[in-house]
């Protein structure tokens, strides 16, 4: 019984170190472990696929550039006058603490929150 407890404790204490040891050495700093370059490439490929699909369905779609997509990825974690750290400390990531059910354009009549 003691041996089982010690092995369990040993596993719990070493689990973070073992997980870190298994992470790829070339893991990037962006979403999904991508490097900045890989993120730009993924955005460009995704936008190209969306544009192609929309075109095939008879719609016009203007692909967004990587900087625009990146700004959108960050926009839900900030408010004017608050740093990202202050926002997260106050509202978390805003998914459930900031949800109104309406897009900002309908709630305020403009594009700013």
PDB file of N, CA and C in Angstrom:
ATOM      1  N   UNK A   1       0.821  -1.192   0.000  1.00  0.00           N
ATOM      2  CA  UNK A   1       0.000   0.000   0.000  1.00  0.00           C
ATOM      3  C   UNK A   1       0.867   1.258   0.000  1.00  0.00           C
ATOM      4  N   UNK A   2       1.861   1.290   0.883  1.00  0.00           N
ATOM      5  CA  UNK A   2       2.762   2.446   0.928  1.00  0.00           C
ATOM      6  C   UNK A   2       3.492   2.624  -0.387  1.00  0.00           C
ATOM      7  N   UNK A   3       3.889   1.512  -0.977  1.00  0.00           N
ATOM      8  CA  UNK A   3       4.614   1.568  -2.247  1.00  0.00           C
ATOM      9  C   UNK A   3       3.732   2.229  -3.315  1.00  0.00           C
ATOM     10  N   UNK A   4       2.453   1.889  -3.341  1.00  0.00           N
ATOM     11  CA  UNK A   4       1.521   2.482  -4.307  1.00  0.00           C
ATOM     12  C   UNK A   4       1.387   3.977  -4.071  1.00  0.00           C
ATOM     13  N   UNK A   5       1.280   4.386  -2.813  1.00  0.00           N
ATOM     14  CA  UNK A   5       1.174   5.807  -2.476  1.00  0.00           C
ATOM     15  C   UNK A   5       2.435   6.545  -2.907  1.00  0.00           C
ATOM     16  N   UNK A   6       3.596   5.967  -2.604  1.00  0.00           N
ATOM     17  CA  UNK A   6       4.860   6.614  -2.984  1.00  0.00           C
ATOM     18  C   UNK A   6       4.992   6.715  -4.502  1.00  0.00           C
ATOM     19  N   UNK A   7       4.602   5.666  -5.210  1.00  0.00           N
ATOM     20  CA  UNK A   7       4.680   5.711  -6.676  1.00  0.00           C
ATOM     21  C   UNK A   7       3.722   6.763  -7.236  1.00  0.00           C
ATOM     22  N   UNK A   8       2.521   6.851  -6.651  1.00  0.00           N
ATOM     23  CA  UNK A   8       1.561   7.867  -7.093  1.00  0.00           C
ATOM     24  C   UNK A   8       2.064   9.275  -6.837  1.00  0.00           C
ATOM     25  N   UNK A   9       2.608   9.491  -5.655  1.00  0.00           N
ATOM     26  CA  UNK A   9       3.172  10.792  -5.303  1.00  0.00           C
ATOM     27  C   UNK A   9       4.339  11.131  -6.213  1.00  0.00           C
ATOM     28  N   UNK A  10       5.188  10.158  -6.466  1.00  0.00           N
ATOM     29  CA  UNK A  10       6.340  10.329  -7.349  1.00  0.00           C
ATOM     30  C   UNK A  10       5.863  10.747  -8.747  1.00  0.00           C
ATOM     31  N   UNK A  11       4.803  10.068  -9.239  1.00  0.00           N
ATOM     32  CA  UNK A  11       4.261  10.390 -10.561  1.00  0.00           C
ATOM     33  C   UNK A  11       3.679  11.790 -10.626  1.00  0.00           C
ATOM     34  N   UNK A  12       2.963  12.193  -9.581  1.00  0.00           N
ATOM     35  CA  UNK A  12       2.354  13.525  -9.553  1.00  0.00           C
ATOM     36  C   UNK A  12       3.421  14.611  -9.512  1.00  0.00           C
ATOM     37  N   UNK A  13       4.453  14.397  -8.725  1.00  0.00           N
ATOM     38  CA  UNK A  13       5.510  15.393  -8.614  1.00  0.00           C
ATOM     39  C   UNK A  13       6.346  15.502  -9.878  1.00  0.00           C
ATOM     40  N   UNK A  14       6.527  14.389 -10.568  1.00  0.00           N
ATOM     41  CA  UNK A  14       7.360  14.404 -11.765  1.00  0.00           C
ATOM     42  C   UNK A  14       6.581  14.623 -13.059  1.00  0.00           C
ATOM     43  N   UNK A  15       5.258  14.578 -13.009  1.00  0.00           N
ATOM     44  CA  UNK A  15       4.463  14.717 -14.233  1.00  0.00           C
ATOM     45  C   UNK A  15       4.778  15.998 -15.005  1.00  0.00           C
ATOM     46  N   UNK A  16       4.857  17.181 -14.348  1.00  0.00           N
ATOM     47  CA  UNK A  16       5.178  18.390 -15.113  1.00  0.00           C
ATOM     48  C   UNK A  16       6.548  18.323 -15.771  1.00  0.00           C
ATOM     49  N   UNK A  17       7.521  17.785 -15.075  1.00  0.00           N
ATOM     50  CA  UNK A  17       8.865  17.678 -15.655  1.00  0.00           C
ATOM     51  C   UNK A  17       8.874  16.704 -16.818  1.00  0.00           C
ATOM     52  N   UNK A  18       8.137  15.619 -16.680  1.00  0.00           N
ATOM     53  CA  UNK A  18       8.087  14.632 -17.765  1.00  0.00           C
ATOM     54  C   UNK A  18       7.362  15.209 -18.971  1.00  0.00           C
ATOM     55  N   UNK A  19       6.293  15.968 -18.750  1.00  0.00           N
ATOM     56  CA  UNK A  19       5.557  16.578 -19.861  1.00  0.00           C
ATOM     57  C   UNK A  19       6.424  17.583 -20.599  1.00  0.00           C
ATOM     58  N   UNK A  20       7.174  18.391 -19.850  1.00  0.00           N
ATOM     59  CA  UNK A  20       8.069  19.366 -20.477  1.00  0.00           C
ATOM     60  C   UNK A  20       9.151  18.671 -21.269  1.00  0.00           C
ATOM     61  N   UNK A  21       9.626  17.553 -20.757  1.00  0.00           N
ATOM     62  CA  UNK A  21      10.676  16.818 -21.458  1.00  0.00           C
ATOM     63  C   UNK A  21      10.167  16.230 -22.760  1.00  0.00           C
ATOM     64  N   UNK A  22       8.851  16.001 -22.873  1.00  0.00           N
ATOM     65  CA  UNK A  22       8.277  15.419 -24.074  1.00  0.00           C
ATOM     66  C   UNK A  22       7.892  16.475 -25.107  1.00  0.00           C
ATOM     67  N   UNK A  23       7.858  17.737 -24.727  1.00  0.00           N
ATOM     68  CA  UNK A  23       7.493  18.798 -25.665  1.00  0.00           C
ATOM     69  C   UNK A  23       8.579  18.935 -26.724  1.00  0.00           C
ATOM     70  N   UNK A  24       8.192  19.147 -27.967  1.00  0.00           N
ATOM     71  CA  UNK A  24       9.189  19.326 -29.021  1.00  0.00           C
ATOM     72  C   UNK A  24      10.096  20.512 -28.729  1.00  0.00           C
ATOM     73  N   UNK A  25      11.351  20.359 -29.041  1.00  0.00           N
ATOM     74  CA  UNK A  25      12.331  21.417 -28.773  1.00  0.00           C
ATOM     75  C   UNK A  25      12.087  22.658 -29.630  1.00  0.00           C
ATOM     76  N   UNK A  26      11.522  22.464 -30.818  1.00  0.00           N
ATOM     77  CA  UNK A  26      11.316  23.589 -31.730  1.00  0.00           C
ATOM     78  C   UNK A  26       9.902  24.160 -31.651  1.00  0.00           C
ATOM     79  N   UNK A  27       9.248  23.990 -30.511  1.00  0.00           N
ATOM     80  CA  UNK A  27       7.905  24.503 -30.318  1.00  0.00           C
ATOM     81  C   UNK A  27       7.922  26.022 -30.420  1.00  0.00           C
ATOM     82  N   UNK A  28       7.025  26.576 -31.236  1.00  0.00           N
ATOM     83  CA  UNK A  28       6.977  28.020 -31.432  1.00  0.00           C
ATOM     84  C   UNK A  28       6.249  28.736 -30.317  1.00  0.00           C
ATOM     85  N   UNK A  29       6.262  30.044 -30.381  1.00  0.00           N
ATOM     86  CA  UNK A  29       5.679  30.880 -29.333  1.00  0.00           C
ATOM     87  C   UNK A  29       4.264  31.344 -29.659  1.00  0.00           C
ATOM     88  N   UNK A  30       3.778  31.055 -30.854  1.00  0.00           N
ATOM     89  CA  UNK A  30       2.443  31.501 -31.261  1.00  0.00           C
ATOM     90  C   UNK A  30       1.406  30.406 -30.996  1.00  0.00           C
ATOM     91  N   UNK A  31       0.160  30.658 -31.371  1.00  0.00           N
ATOM     92  CA  UNK A  31      -0.905  29.685 -31.190  1.00  0.00           C
ATOM     93  C   UNK A  31      -0.516  28.334 -31.757  1.00  0.00           C
ATOM     94  N   UNK A  32      -0.961  27.291 -31.077  1.00  0.00           N
ATOM     95  CA  UNK A  32      -0.739  25.910 -31.483  1.00  0.00           C
ATOM     96  C   UNK A  32       0.739  25.549 -31.584  1.00  0.00           C
ATOM     97  N   UNK A  33       1.597  26.302 -30.912  1.00  0.00           N
ATOM     98  CA  UNK A  33       3.027  26.012 -30.933  1.00  0.00           C
ATOM     99  C   UNK A  33       3.710  26.380 -32.237  1.00  0.00           C
ATOM    100  N   UNK A  34       3.070  27.223 -33.029  1.00  0.00           N
ATOM    101  CA  UNK A  34       3.655  27.642 -34.307  1.00  0.00           C
ATOM    102  C   UNK A  34       4.672  28.751 -34.088  1.00  0.00           C
ATOM    103  N   UNK A  35       5.616  28.822 -34.997  1.00  0.00           N
ATOM    104  CA  UNK A  35       6.534  29.958 -35.005  1.00  0.00           C
ATOM    105  C   UNK A  35       5.788  31.131 -35.641  1.00  0.00           C
ATOM    106  N   UNK A  36       6.273  32.358 -35.485  1.00  0.00           N
ATOM    107  CA  UNK A  36       5.607  33.491 -36.142  1.00  0.00           C
ATOM    108  C   UNK A  36       5.467  33.283 -37.654  1.00  0.00           C
ATOM    109  N   UNK A  37       6.496  32.755 -38.284  1.00  0.00           N
ATOM    110  CA  UNK A  37       6.448  32.513 -39.728  1.00  0.00           C
ATOM    111  C   UNK A  37       5.397  31.455 -40.071  1.00  0.00           C
ATOM    112  N   UNK A  38       5.352  30.375 -39.284  1.00  0.00           N
ATOM    113  CA  UNK A  38       4.372  29.322 -39.525  1.00  0.00           C
ATOM    114  C   UNK A  38       2.946  29.833 -39.325  1.00  0.00           C
ATOM    115  N   UNK A  39       2.745  30.727 -38.356  1.00  0.00           N
ATOM    116  CA  UNK A  39       1.418  31.298 -38.129  1.00  0.00           C
ATOM    117  C   UNK A  39       0.979  32.111 -39.342  1.00  0.00           C
ATOM    118  N   UNK A  40       1.869  32.932 -39.881  1.00  0.00           N
ATOM    119  CA  UNK A  40       1.545  33.729 -41.071  1.00  0.00           C
ATOM    120  C   UNK A  40       1.199  32.799 -42.233  1.00  0.00           C
ATOM    121  N   UNK A  41       1.984  31.742 -42.419  1.00  0.00           N
ATOM    122  CA  UNK A  41       1.719  30.791 -43.503  1.00  0.00           C
ATOM    123  C   UNK A  41       0.367  30.106 -43.316  1.00  0.00           C
ATOM    124  N   UNK A  42       0.038  29.736 -42.074  1.00  0.00           N
ATOM    125  CA  UNK A  42      -1.243  29.089 -41.799  1.00  0.00           C
ATOM    126  C   UNK A  42      -2.402  30.042 -42.070  1.00  0.00           C
ATOM    127  N   UNK A  43      -2.249  31.298 -41.682  1.00  0.00           N
ATOM    128  CA  UNK A  43      -3.293  32.298 -41.936  1.00  0.00           C
ATOM    129  C   UNK A  43      -3.488  32.476 -43.434  1.00  0.00           C
ATOM    130  N   UNK A  44      -2.397  32.618 -44.171  1.00  0.00           N
ATOM    131  CA  UNK A  44      -2.489  32.818 -45.619  1.00  0.00           C
ATOM    132  C   UNK A  44      -3.149  31.622 -46.302  1.00  0.00           C
ATOM    133  N   UNK A  45      -2.791  30.419 -45.882  1.00  0.00           N
ATOM    134  CA  UNK A  45      -3.388  29.220 -46.478  1.00  0.00           C
ATOM    135  C   UNK A  45      -4.875  29.147 -46.165  1.00  0.00           C
ATOM    136  N   UNK A  46      -5.244  29.446 -44.930  1.00  0.00           N
ATOM    137  CA  UNK A  46      -6.648  29.417 -44.530  1.00  0.00           C
ATOM    138  C   UNK A  46      -7.454  30.453 -45.302  1.00  0.00           C
ATOM    139  N   UNK A  47      -6.929  31.660 -45.412  1.00  0.00           N
ATOM    140  CA  UNK A  47      -7.629  32.713 -46.146  1.00  0.00           C
ATOM    141  C   UNK A  47      -7.785  32.344 -47.616  1.00  0.00           C
ATOM    142  N   UNK A  48      -6.788  31.708 -48.189  1.00  0.00           N
ATOM    143  CA  UNK A  48      -6.863  31.261 -49.577  1.00  0.00           C
ATOM    144  C   UNK A  48      -7.965  30.213 -49.741  1.00  0.00           C
ATOM    145  N   UNK A  49      -8.049  29.266 -48.803  1.00  0.00           N
ATOM    146  CA  UNK A  49      -9.083  28.237 -48.867  1.00  0.00           C
ATOM    147  C   UNK A  49     -10.483  28.836 -48.705  1.00  0.00           C
ATOM    148  N   UNK A  50     -10.621  29.786 -47.810  1.00  0.00           N
ATOM    149  CA  UNK A  50     -11.916  30.446 -47.624  1.00  0.00           C
ATOM    150  C   UNK A  50     -12.312  31.178 -48.903  1.00  0.00           C
ATOM    151  N   UNK A  51     -11.374  31.921 -49.489  1.00  0.00           N
ATOM    152  CA  UNK A  51     -11.660  32.672 -50.718  1.00  0.00           C
ATOM    153  C   UNK A  51     -12.070  31.730 -51.849  1.00  0.00           C
ATOM    154  N   UNK A  52     -11.375  30.619 -51.976  1.00  0.00           N
ATOM    155  CA  UNK A  52     -11.699  29.657 -53.032  1.00  0.00           C
ATOM    156  C   UNK A  52     -13.096  29.072 -52.822  1.00  0.00           C
ATOM    157  N   UNK A  53     -13.387  28.662 -51.608  1.00  0.00           N
ATOM    158  CA  UNK A  53     -14.693  28.079 -51.294  1.00  0.00           C
ATOM    159  C   UNK A  53     -15.815  29.089 -51.541  1.00  0.00           C
ATOM    160  N   UNK A  54     -15.619  30.326 -51.089  1.00  0.00           N
ATOM    161  CA  UNK A  54     -16.641  31.359 -51.274  1.00  0.00           C
ATOM    162  C   UNK A  54     -16.864  31.626 -52.758  1.00  0.00           C
ATOM    163  N   UNK A  55     -15.783  31.675 -53.518  1.00  0.00           N
ATOM    164  CA  UNK A  55     -15.875  31.915 -54.957  1.00  0.00           C
ATOM    165  C   UNK A  55     -16.653  30.794 -55.644  1.00  0.00           C
ATOM    166  N   UNK A  56     -16.372  29.564 -55.251  1.00  0.00           N
ATOM    167  CA  UNK A  56     -17.074  28.414 -55.833  1.00  0.00           C
ATOM    168  C   UNK A  56     -18.573  28.468 -55.541  1.00  0.00           C
ATOM    169  N   UNK A  57     -18.952  29.122 -54.461  1.00  0.00           N
ATOM    170  CA  UNK A  57     -20.364  29.239 -54.091  1.00  0.00           C
ATOM    171  C   UNK A  57     -20.991  30.533 -54.624  1.00  0.00           C
ATOM    172  N   UNK A  58     -20.208  31.299 -55.401  1.00  0.00           N
ATOM    173  CA  UNK A  58     -20.739  32.498 -56.028  1.00  0.00           C
ATOM    174  C   UNK A  58     -20.604  33.773 -55.217  1.00  0.00           C
ATOM    175  N   UNK A  59     -19.808  33.743 -54.175  1.00  0.00           N
ATOM    176  CA  UNK A  59     -19.622  34.918 -53.340  1.00  0.00           C
ATOM    177  C   UNK A  59     -18.254  35.539 -53.582  1.00  0.00           C
ATOM    178  N   UNK A  60     -18.173  36.828 -53.351  1.00  0.00           N
ATOM    179  CA  UNK A  60     -16.885  37.500 -53.405  1.00  0.00           C
ATOM    180  C   UNK A  60     -16.321  37.546 -51.982  1.00  0.00           C
ATOM    181  N   UNK A  61     -15.076  37.178 -51.827  1.00  0.00           N
ATOM    182  CA  UNK A  61     -14.428  37.210 -50.511  1.00  0.00           C
ATOM    183  C   UNK A  61     -13.048  37.809 -50.693  1.00  0.00           C
ATOM    184  N   UNK A  62     -12.757  38.822 -49.936  1.00  0.00           N
ATOM    185  CA  UNK A  62     -11.432  39.431 -49.985  1.00  0.00           C
ATOM    186  C   UNK A  62     -10.656  38.888 -48.796  1.00  0.00           C
ATOM    187  N   UNK A  63      -9.621  38.138 -49.095  1.00  0.00           N
ATOM    188  CA  UNK A  63      -8.830  37.500 -48.042  1.00  0.00           C
ATOM    189  C   UNK A  63      -8.179  38.553 -47.153  1.00  0.00           C
ATOM    190  N   UNK A  64      -8.214  38.301 -45.857  1.00  0.00           N
ATOM    191  CA  UNK A  64      -7.574  39.200 -44.890  1.00  0.00           C
ATOM    192  C   UNK A  64      -6.089  38.891 -44.832  1.00  0.00           C
ATOM    193  N   UNK A  65      -5.295  39.925 -44.627  1.00  0.00           N
ATOM    194  CA  UNK A  65      -3.856  39.704 -44.493  1.00  0.00           C
ATOM    195  C   UNK A  65      -3.551  39.234 -43.065  1.00  0.00           C
ATOM    196  N   UNK A  66      -2.361  38.715 -42.865  1.00  0.00           N
ATOM    197  CA  UNK A  66      -1.971  38.137 -41.577  1.00  0.00           C
ATOM    198  C   UNK A  66      -2.040  39.154 -40.437  1.00  0.00           C
ATOM    199  N   UNK A  67      -1.695  40.412 -40.707  1.00  0.00           N
ATOM    200  CA  UNK A  67      -1.741  41.430 -39.656  1.00  0.00           C
ATOM    201  C   UNK A  67      -3.175  41.691 -39.188  1.00  0.00           C
ATOM    202  N   UNK A  68      -4.121  41.683 -40.118  1.00  0.00           N
ATOM    203  CA  UNK A  68      -5.522  41.893 -39.766  1.00  0.00           C
ATOM    204  C   UNK A  68      -6.045  40.725 -38.932  1.00  0.00           C
ATOM    205  N   UNK A  69      -5.708  39.509 -39.345  1.00  0.00           N
ATOM    206  CA  UNK A  69      -6.146  38.330 -38.592  1.00  0.00           C
ATOM    207  C   UNK A  69      -5.528  38.339 -37.201  1.00  0.00           C
ATOM    208  N   UNK A  70      -4.249  38.689 -37.130  1.00  0.00           N
ATOM    209  CA  UNK A  70      -3.558  38.732 -35.836  1.00  0.00           C
ATOM    210  C   UNK A  70      -4.189  39.778 -34.917  1.00  0.00           C
ATOM    211  N   UNK A  71      -4.579  40.917 -35.478  1.00  0.00           N
ATOM    212  CA  UNK A  71      -5.246  41.947 -34.679  1.00  0.00           C
ATOM    213  C   UNK A  71      -6.576  41.422 -34.143  1.00  0.00           C
ATOM    214  N   UNK A  72      -7.293  40.674 -34.962  1.00  0.00           N
ATOM    215  CA  UNK A  72      -8.547  40.080 -34.516  1.00  0.00           C
ATOM    216  C   UNK A  72      -8.341  39.045 -33.423  1.00  0.00           C
ATOM    217  N   UNK A  73      -7.247  38.311 -33.503  1.00  0.00           N
ATOM    218  CA  UNK A  73      -6.944  37.302 -32.490  1.00  0.00           C
ATOM    219  C   UNK A  73      -6.666  37.957 -31.138  1.00  0.00           C
ATOM    220  N   UNK A  74      -6.173  39.183 -31.163  1.00  0.00           N
ATOM    221  CA  UNK A  74      -5.842  39.891 -29.922  1.00  0.00           C
ATOM    222  C   UNK A  74      -6.976  40.790 -29.439  1.00  0.00           C
ATOM    223  N   UNK A  75      -7.886  41.153 -30.331  1.00  0.00           N
ATOM    224  CA  UNK A  75      -8.911  42.146 -30.010  1.00  0.00           C
ATOM    225  C   UNK A  75      -9.843  41.727 -28.884  1.00  0.00           C
ATOM    226  N   UNK A  76     -10.066  40.434 -28.729  1.00  0.00           N
ATOM    227  CA  UNK A  76     -10.996  40.010 -27.689  1.00  0.00           C
ATOM    228  C   UNK A  76     -10.363  39.946 -26.307  1.00  0.00           C
ATOM    229  N   UNK A  77      -9.123  40.368 -26.202  1.00  0.00           N
ATOM    230  CA  UNK A  77      -8.416  40.338 -24.927  1.00  0.00           C
ATOM    231  C   UNK A  77      -7.992  41.735 -24.477  1.00  0.00           C
ATOM    232  N   UNK A  78      -8.662  42.758 -24.991  1.00  0.00           N
ATOM    233  CA  UNK A  78      -8.259  44.111 -24.617  1.00  0.00           C
ATOM    234  C   UNK A  78      -9.452  45.059 -24.638  1.00  0.00           C
ATOM    235  N   UNK A  79      -9.273  46.132 -23.945  1.00  0.00           N
ATOM    236  CA  UNK A  79     -10.214  47.240 -23.953  1.00  0.00           C
ATOM    237  C   UNK A  79      -9.389  48.521 -23.959  1.00  0.00           C
ATOM    238  N   UNK A  80      -9.898  49.581 -24.547  1.00  0.00           N
ATOM    239  CA  UNK A  80      -9.149  50.829 -24.500  1.00  0.00           C
ATOM    240  C   UNK A  80      -8.852  51.222 -23.050  1.00  0.00           C
ATOM    241  N   UNK A  81      -7.619  51.565 -22.774  1.00  0.00           N
ATOM    242  CA  UNK A  81      -7.225  51.985 -21.443  1.00  0.00           C
ATOM    243  C   UNK A  81      -6.746  50.863 -20.535  1.00  0.00           C
ATOM    244  N   UNK A  82      -6.863  49.600 -20.985  1.00  0.00           N
ATOM    245  CA  UNK A  82      -6.388  48.472 -20.191  1.00  0.00           C
ATOM    246  C   UNK A  82      -5.335  47.700 -20.967  1.00  0.00           C
ATOM    247  N   UNK A  83      -4.267  47.320 -20.293  1.00  0.00           N
ATOM    248  CA  UNK A  83      -3.294  46.439 -20.936  1.00  0.00           C
ATOM    249  C   UNK A  83      -3.908  45.041 -21.003  1.00  0.00           C
ATOM    250  N   UNK A  84      -3.321  44.162 -21.799  1.00  0.00           N
ATOM    251  CA  UNK A  84      -3.825  42.793 -21.885  1.00  0.00           C
ATOM    252  C   UNK A  84      -3.789  42.125 -20.507  1.00  0.00           C
ATOM    253  N   UNK A  85      -2.731  42.361 -19.746  1.00  0.00           N
ATOM    254  CA  UNK A  85      -2.617  41.765 -18.414  1.00  0.00           C
ATOM    255  C   UNK A  85      -3.726  42.272 -17.493  1.00  0.00           C
ATOM    256  N   UNK A  86      -4.004  43.578 -17.527  1.00  0.00           N
ATOM    257  CA  UNK A  86      -5.072  44.137 -16.698  1.00  0.00           C
ATOM    258  C   UNK A  86      -6.436  43.567 -17.099  1.00  0.00           C
ATOM    259  N   UNK A  87      -6.670  43.445 -18.407  1.00  0.00           N
ATOM    260  CA  UNK A  87      -7.929  42.895 -18.901  1.00  0.00           C
ATOM    261  C   UNK A  87      -8.118  41.468 -18.407  1.00  0.00           C
ATOM    262  N   UNK A  88      -7.087  40.634 -18.580  1.00  0.00           N
ATOM    263  CA  UNK A  88      -7.185  39.231 -18.172  1.00  0.00           C
ATOM    264  C   UNK A  88      -7.381  39.116 -16.663  1.00  0.00           C
ATOM    265  N   UNK A  89      -6.677  39.940 -15.900  1.00  0.00           N
ATOM    266  CA  UNK A  89      -6.846  39.904 -14.447  1.00  0.00           C
ATOM    267  C   UNK A  89      -8.271  40.291 -14.036  1.00  0.00           C
ATOM    268  N   UNK A  90      -8.873  41.211 -14.745  1.00  0.00           N
ATOM    269  CA  UNK A  90     -10.207  41.692 -14.387  1.00  0.00           C
ATOM    270  C   UNK A  90     -11.324  40.837 -14.976  1.00  0.00           C
ATOM    271  N   UNK A  91     -11.185  40.425 -16.248  1.00  0.00           N
ATOM    272  CA  UNK A  91     -12.273  39.756 -16.950  1.00  0.00           C
ATOM    273  C   UNK A  91     -11.965  38.335 -17.385  1.00  0.00           C
ATOM    274  N   UNK A  92     -10.805  37.798 -17.036  1.00  0.00           N
ATOM    275  CA  UNK A  92     -10.420  36.505 -17.587  1.00  0.00           C
ATOM    276  C   UNK A  92     -10.147  36.702 -19.066  1.00  0.00           C
ATOM    277  N   UNK A  93     -10.553  35.763 -19.878  1.00  0.00           N
ATOM    278  CA  UNK A  93     -10.362  35.935 -21.307  1.00  0.00           C
ATOM    279  C   UNK A  93     -11.616  36.468 -21.982  1.00  0.00           C
ATOM    280  N   UNK A  94     -12.613  36.873 -21.187  1.00  0.00           N
ATOM    281  CA  UNK A  94     -13.777  37.558 -21.721  1.00  0.00           C
ATOM    282  C   UNK A  94     -14.801  36.674 -22.388  1.00  0.00           C
ATOM    283  N   UNK A  95     -14.571  35.365 -22.449  1.00  0.00           N
ATOM    284  CA  UNK A  95     -15.494  34.492 -23.159  1.00  0.00           C
ATOM    285  C   UNK A  95     -16.845  34.454 -22.467  1.00  0.00           C
ATOM    286  N   UNK A  96     -16.874  34.260 -21.163  1.00  0.00           N
ATOM    287  CA  UNK A  96     -18.148  34.196 -20.465  1.00  0.00           C
ATOM    288  C   UNK A  96     -18.419  35.447 -19.634  1.00  0.00           C
ATOM    289  N   UNK A  97     -17.404  36.223 -19.348  1.00  0.00           N
ATOM    290  CA  UNK A  97     -17.603  37.398 -18.502  1.00  0.00           C
ATOM    291  C   UNK A  97     -17.986  38.636 -19.291  1.00  0.00           C
ATOM    292  N   UNK A  98     -17.839  38.598 -20.588  1.00  0.00           N
ATOM    293  CA  UNK A  98     -18.098  39.769 -21.414  1.00  0.00           C
ATOM    294  C   UNK A  98     -19.154  39.524 -22.483  1.00  0.00           C
ATOM    295  N   UNK A  99     -19.750  38.347 -22.515  1.00  0.00           N
ATOM    296  CA  UNK A  99     -20.669  37.982 -23.591  1.00  0.00           C
ATOM    297  C   UNK A  99     -21.998  38.703 -23.444  1.00  0.00           C
ATOM    298  N   UNK A 100     -22.414  39.420 -24.474  1.00  0.00           N
ATOM    299  CA  UNK A 100     -23.692  40.137 -24.448  1.00  0.00           C
ATOM    300  C   UNK A 100     -24.729  39.465 -25.335  1.00  0.00           C
ATOM    301  N   UNK A 101     -24.285  38.614 -26.245  1.00  0.00           N
ATOM    302  CA  UNK A 101     -25.204  37.988 -27.188  1.00  0.00           C
ATOM    303  C   UNK A 101     -25.361  38.792 -28.466  1.00  0.00           C
ATOM    304  N   UNK A 102     -24.842  40.006 -28.468  1.00  0.00           N
ATOM    305  CA  UNK A 102     -24.936  40.866 -29.646  1.00  0.00           C
ATOM    306  C   UNK A 102     -23.545  41.271 -30.103  1.00  0.00           C
ATOM    307  N   UNK A 103     -23.337  41.338 -31.401  1.00  0.00           N
ATOM    308  CA  UNK A 103     -22.058  41.867 -31.872  1.00  0.00           C
ATOM    309  C   UNK A 103     -21.909  43.322 -31.418  1.00  0.00           C
ATOM    310  N   UNK A 104     -20.694  43.792 -31.220  1.00  0.00           N
ATOM    311  CA  UNK A 104     -20.508  45.180 -30.787  1.00  0.00           C
ATOM    312  C   UNK A 104     -21.175  46.187 -31.717  1.00  0.00           C
ATOM    313  N   UNK A 105     -21.235  45.894 -33.018  1.00  0.00           N
ATOM    314  CA  UNK A 105     -21.837  46.840 -33.953  1.00  0.00           C
ATOM    315  C   UNK A 105     -23.323  47.039 -33.649  1.00  0.00           C
ATOM    316  N   UNK A 106     -24.035  45.995 -33.250  1.00  0.00           N
ATOM    317  CA  UNK A 106     -25.458  46.124 -32.949  1.00  0.00           C
ATOM    318  C   UNK A 106     -25.686  46.724 -31.581  1.00  0.00           C
ATOM    319  N   UNK A 107     -24.770  46.433 -30.630  1.00  0.00           N
ATOM    320  CA  UNK A 107     -24.947  46.917 -29.264  1.00  0.00           C
ATOM    321  C   UNK A 107     -24.645  48.404 -29.150  1.00  0.00           C
ATOM    322  N   UNK A 108     -23.690  48.902 -29.936  1.00  0.00           N
ATOM    323  CA  UNK A 108     -23.266  50.293 -29.783  1.00  0.00           C
ATOM    324  C   UNK A 108     -23.532  51.150 -31.006  1.00  0.00           C
ATOM    325  N   UNK A 109     -23.859  50.519 -32.135  1.00  0.00           N
ATOM    326  CA  UNK A 109     -24.078  51.283 -33.346  1.00  0.00           C
ATOM    327  C   UNK A 109     -22.801  51.643 -34.078  1.00  0.00           C
ATOM    328  N   UNK A 110     -21.661  51.178 -33.577  1.00  0.00           N
ATOM    329  CA  UNK A 110     -20.374  51.463 -34.217  1.00  0.00           C
ATOM    330  C   UNK A 110     -19.496  50.231 -34.185  1.00  0.00           C
ATOM    331  N   UNK A 111     -18.235  50.431 -34.497  1.00  0.00           N
ATOM    332  CA  UNK A 111     -17.315  49.299 -34.524  1.00  0.00           C
ATOM    333  C   UNK A 111     -16.489  49.209 -33.255  1.00  0.00           C
ATOM    334  N   UNK A 112     -16.561  50.202 -32.399  1.00  0.00           N
ATOM    335  CA  UNK A 112     -15.795  50.191 -31.155  1.00  0.00           C
ATOM    336  C   UNK A 112     -16.690  49.668 -30.030  1.00  0.00           C
ATOM    337  N   UNK A 113     -16.117  48.893 -29.073  1.00  0.00           N
ATOM    338  CA  UNK A 113     -16.934  48.422 -27.943  1.00  0.00           C
ATOM    339  C   UNK A 113     -17.297  49.545 -27.004  1.00  0.00           C
TER     340      UNK A 113
END
